[in-house]
Amino acid sequence: MAEATWPELFQAQVRRVPDAPALLCGGGAVSYAELNARANRLARFLVSRGARPEGLVAVAMPRSAEMVVALLAVLKAGAGYVPV
């Protein structure tokens, strides 16, 4: 069995249950489809700014839905994140 990356596993979950809540934060919910769309937009931006496989991206954010989007986006860009 081939190993899948975390972003690939997440993408499979998006296909299975796009409208299910993926993230509960601050009394609100973000669906898998919305979280995926937001992370994809940020991942494209990060790639345009130089994020790449085997590169690192510093992330300095408080715990929030936006932090989850940022971490997922970094992984989708192929990079690793360094919490600051």
N, C-alpha and C. Protein backbone atom coordinates (compact mmCIF):
# COMPACT_ATOMS: atom_id res chain seq x y z
N MET A 1 0.84 -1.18 0.00
CA MET A 1 0.00 0.00 0.00
C MET A 1 0.89 1.25 0.00
N ALA A 2 0.65 2.14 -0.92
CA ALA A 2 1.42 3.37 -1.00
C ALA A 2 1.00 4.31 0.13
N GLU A 3 1.97 5.05 0.64
CA GLU A 3 1.68 6.00 1.69
C GLU A 3 1.13 7.28 1.08
N ALA A 4 0.15 7.87 1.75
CA ALA A 4 -0.44 9.12 1.30
C ALA A 4 0.06 10.25 2.20
N THR A 5 0.17 11.43 1.65
CA THR A 5 0.54 12.59 2.45
C THR A 5 -0.69 13.08 3.20
N TRP A 6 -0.46 13.89 4.22
CA TRP A 6 -1.58 14.45 4.98
C TRP A 6 -2.50 15.28 4.06
N PRO A 7 -1.96 16.15 3.19
CA PRO A 7 -2.85 16.88 2.28
C PRO A 7 -3.66 15.96 1.37
N GLU A 8 -3.09 14.85 0.93
CA GLU A 8 -3.84 13.91 0.09
C GLU A 8 -4.97 13.26 0.89
N LEU A 9 -4.70 12.90 2.12
CA LEU A 9 -5.74 12.33 2.97
C LEU A 9 -6.85 13.35 3.24
N PHE A 10 -6.47 14.60 3.46
CA PHE A 10 -7.45 15.66 3.67
C PHE A 10 -8.31 15.83 2.42
N GLN A 11 -7.68 15.85 1.26
CA GLN A 11 -8.40 16.01 -0.01
C GLN A 11 -9.41 14.88 -0.20
N ALA A 12 -9.06 13.68 0.16
CA ALA A 12 -9.97 12.54 0.06
C ALA A 12 -11.18 12.75 0.98
N GLN A 13 -10.94 13.28 2.17
CA GLN A 13 -12.04 13.56 3.10
C GLN A 13 -12.94 14.66 2.54
N VAL A 14 -12.37 15.65 1.89
CA VAL A 14 -13.16 16.71 1.26
C VAL A 14 -14.10 16.11 0.21
N ARG A 15 -13.59 15.17 -0.57
CA ARG A 15 -14.43 14.53 -1.59
C ARG A 15 -15.55 13.71 -0.96
N ARG A 16 -15.25 13.06 0.18
CA ARG A 16 -16.26 12.21 0.84
C ARG A 16 -17.36 13.02 1.49
N VAL A 17 -17.00 14.06 2.22
CA VAL A 17 -18.00 14.81 3.01
C VAL A 17 -17.75 16.32 2.92
N PRO A 18 -17.91 16.91 1.76
CA PRO A 18 -17.56 18.32 1.59
C PRO A 18 -18.31 19.28 2.51
N ASP A 19 -19.54 18.96 2.85
CA ASP A 19 -20.33 19.89 3.65
C ASP A 19 -20.26 19.63 5.15
N ALA A 20 -19.58 18.57 5.55
CA ALA A 20 -19.44 18.26 6.97
C ALA A 20 -18.52 19.27 7.64
N PRO A 21 -18.74 19.54 8.92
CA PRO A 21 -17.84 20.46 9.62
C PRO A 21 -16.45 19.84 9.79
N ALA A 22 -15.45 20.58 9.35
CA ALA A 22 -14.07 20.14 9.49
C ALA A 22 -13.42 20.81 10.69
N LEU A 23 -13.95 21.96 11.05
CA LEU A 23 -13.31 22.78 12.08
C LEU A 23 -14.39 23.52 12.85
N LEU A 24 -14.34 23.41 14.16
CA LEU A 24 -15.24 24.16 15.04
C LEU A 24 -14.37 25.14 15.81
N CYS A 25 -14.71 26.42 15.69
CA CYS A 25 -13.87 27.43 16.33
C CYS A 25 -14.71 28.66 16.65
N GLY A 26 -14.64 29.10 17.89
CA GLY A 26 -15.34 30.32 18.27
C GLY A 26 -16.84 30.26 18.08
N GLY A 27 -17.42 29.10 18.26
CA GLY A 27 -18.86 28.98 18.10
C GLY A 27 -19.32 28.81 16.67
N GLY A 28 -18.40 28.83 15.72
CA GLY A 28 -18.74 28.65 14.31
C GLY A 28 -18.13 27.37 13.77
N ALA A 29 -18.55 27.03 12.58
CA ALA A 29 -18.03 25.83 11.93
C ALA A 29 -17.56 26.17 10.53
N VAL A 30 -16.54 25.48 10.09
CA VAL A 30 -16.02 25.62 8.73
C VAL A 30 -16.10 24.23 8.10
N SER A 31 -16.74 24.13 6.94
CA SER A 31 -16.88 22.84 6.27
C SER A 31 -15.56 22.42 5.65
N TYR A 32 -15.48 21.13 5.33
CA TYR A 32 -14.30 20.63 4.64
C TYR A 32 -14.09 21.37 3.33
N ALA A 33 -15.16 21.60 2.57
CA ALA A 33 -15.02 22.29 1.28
C ALA A 33 -14.50 23.71 1.46
N GLU A 34 -15.02 24.42 2.45
CA GLU A 34 -14.59 25.81 2.68
C GLU A 34 -13.14 25.84 3.19
N LEU A 35 -12.81 24.98 4.12
CA LEU A 35 -11.43 24.92 4.61
C LEU A 35 -10.47 24.60 3.47
N ASN A 36 -10.85 23.66 2.62
CA ASN A 36 -10.02 23.29 1.48
C ASN A 36 -9.85 24.47 0.51
N ALA A 37 -10.94 25.16 0.22
CA ALA A 37 -10.87 26.31 -0.71
C ALA A 37 -9.97 27.40 -0.15
N ARG A 38 -10.13 27.70 1.13
CA ARG A 38 -9.31 28.75 1.76
C ARG A 38 -7.84 28.35 1.78
N ALA A 39 -7.56 27.09 2.11
CA ALA A 39 -6.18 26.62 2.15
C ALA A 39 -5.56 26.60 0.75
N ASN A 40 -6.35 26.22 -0.25
CA ASN A 40 -5.83 26.22 -1.63
C ASN A 40 -5.46 27.62 -2.08
N ARG A 41 -6.31 28.61 -1.75
CA ARG A 41 -5.99 30.00 -2.13
C ARG A 41 -4.69 30.45 -1.49
N LEU A 42 -4.55 30.17 -0.19
CA LEU A 42 -3.34 30.59 0.50
C LEU A 42 -2.13 29.80 0.00
N ALA A 43 -2.29 28.52 -0.29
CA ALA A 43 -1.18 27.72 -0.81
C ALA A 43 -0.67 28.30 -2.13
N ARG A 44 -1.58 28.69 -3.02
CA ARG A 44 -1.15 29.29 -4.28
C ARG A 44 -0.37 30.57 -4.03
N PHE A 45 -0.83 31.38 -3.08
CA PHE A 45 -0.12 32.61 -2.74
C PHE A 45 1.27 32.29 -2.18
N LEU A 46 1.33 31.32 -1.27
CA LEU A 46 2.63 30.95 -0.69
C LEU A 46 3.60 30.47 -1.76
N VAL A 47 3.12 29.68 -2.70
CA VAL A 47 3.99 29.21 -3.79
C VAL A 47 4.48 30.40 -4.61
N SER A 48 3.60 31.38 -4.85
CA SER A 48 4.01 32.56 -5.61
C SER A 48 5.06 33.38 -4.87
N ARG A 49 5.12 33.21 -3.55
CA ARG A 49 6.09 33.94 -2.73
C ARG A 49 7.31 33.09 -2.39
N GLY A 50 7.41 31.89 -2.99
CA GLY A 50 8.61 31.10 -2.83
C GLY A 50 8.50 29.84 -2.00
N ALA A 51 7.34 29.54 -1.44
CA ALA A 51 7.20 28.28 -0.70
C ALA A 51 7.36 27.13 -1.69
N ARG A 52 8.07 26.09 -1.26
CA ARG A 52 8.34 24.98 -2.16
C ARG A 52 8.58 23.71 -1.35
N PRO A 53 8.52 22.56 -2.02
CA PRO A 53 8.84 21.32 -1.32
C PRO A 53 10.21 21.40 -0.66
N GLU A 54 10.26 20.89 0.54
CA GLU A 54 11.46 20.86 1.38
C GLU A 54 11.86 22.24 1.89
N GLY A 55 11.07 23.27 1.60
CA GLY A 55 11.30 24.59 2.17
C GLY A 55 10.54 24.71 3.48
N LEU A 56 10.79 25.78 4.21
CA LEU A 56 10.11 26.03 5.48
C LEU A 56 9.41 27.37 5.44
N VAL A 57 8.26 27.43 6.11
CA VAL A 57 7.49 28.66 6.23
C VAL A 57 7.26 28.91 7.71
N ALA A 58 7.64 30.09 8.19
CA ALA A 58 7.39 30.45 9.59
C ALA A 58 5.93 30.84 9.74
N VAL A 59 5.29 30.36 10.79
CA VAL A 59 3.89 30.68 11.07
C VAL A 59 3.81 31.22 12.49
N ALA A 60 3.40 32.49 12.61
CA ALA A 60 3.24 33.13 13.91
C ALA A 60 1.81 33.64 13.99
N MET A 61 0.94 32.82 14.56
CA MET A 61 -0.47 33.17 14.64
C MET A 61 -1.04 32.61 15.94
N PRO A 62 -2.06 33.28 16.47
CA PRO A 62 -2.75 32.68 17.61
C PRO A 62 -3.61 31.51 17.14
N ARG A 63 -3.97 30.65 18.05
CA ARG A 63 -4.85 29.52 17.71
C ARG A 63 -6.17 30.06 17.20
N SER A 64 -6.52 29.63 15.99
CA SER A 64 -7.74 30.12 15.36
C SER A 64 -8.00 29.29 14.11
N ALA A 65 -9.15 29.52 13.50
CA ALA A 65 -9.45 28.86 12.23
C ALA A 65 -8.44 29.28 11.17
N GLU A 66 -8.02 30.54 11.21
CA GLU A 66 -7.05 31.03 10.23
C GLU A 66 -5.72 30.32 10.37
N MET A 67 -5.34 29.96 11.61
CA MET A 67 -4.10 29.22 11.80
C MET A 67 -4.19 27.84 11.15
N VAL A 68 -5.32 27.18 11.29
CA VAL A 68 -5.50 25.86 10.67
C VAL A 68 -5.42 25.99 9.16
N VAL A 69 -6.05 27.03 8.60
CA VAL A 69 -5.96 27.29 7.16
C VAL A 69 -4.50 27.47 6.76
N ALA A 70 -3.77 28.25 7.52
CA ALA A 70 -2.36 28.53 7.20
C ALA A 70 -1.52 27.26 7.24
N LEU A 71 -1.69 26.44 8.26
CA LEU A 71 -0.89 25.22 8.37
C LEU A 71 -1.20 24.26 7.23
N LEU A 72 -2.48 24.12 6.92
CA LEU A 72 -2.87 23.25 5.80
C LEU A 72 -2.32 23.79 4.48
N ALA A 73 -2.37 25.10 4.30
CA ALA A 73 -1.86 25.72 3.07
C ALA A 73 -0.37 25.46 2.90
N VAL A 74 0.39 25.58 3.98
CA VAL A 74 1.83 25.33 3.91
C VAL A 74 2.08 23.89 3.46
N LEU A 75 1.35 22.94 4.03
CA LEU A 75 1.52 21.55 3.65
C LEU A 75 1.11 21.31 2.21
N LYS A 76 0.03 21.96 1.76
CA LYS A 76 -0.42 21.82 0.37
C LYS A 76 0.61 22.39 -0.59
N ALA A 77 1.36 23.40 -0.14
CA ALA A 77 2.43 23.99 -0.97
C ALA A 77 3.64 23.06 -1.02
N GLY A 78 3.64 22.02 -0.20
CA GLY A 78 4.76 21.09 -0.19
C GLY A 78 5.83 21.43 0.83
N ALA A 79 5.65 22.53 1.51
CA ALA A 79 6.67 22.99 2.48
C ALA A 79 6.35 22.45 3.87
N GLY A 80 7.23 22.74 4.78
CA GLY A 80 7.01 22.45 6.19
C GLY A 80 6.80 23.76 6.91
N TYR A 81 6.16 23.72 8.07
CA TYR A 81 5.97 24.96 8.82
C TYR A 81 6.77 24.93 10.11
N VAL A 82 7.16 26.13 10.51
CA VAL A 82 7.90 26.31 11.76
C VAL A 82 7.05 27.23 12.62
N PRO A 83 6.47 26.71 13.73
CA PRO A 83 5.69 27.58 14.59
C PRO A 83 6.62 28.57 15.30
N VAL A 84 6.24 29.82 15.27
CA VAL A 84 7.05 30.87 15.89
C VAL A 84 6.28 31.49 17.03
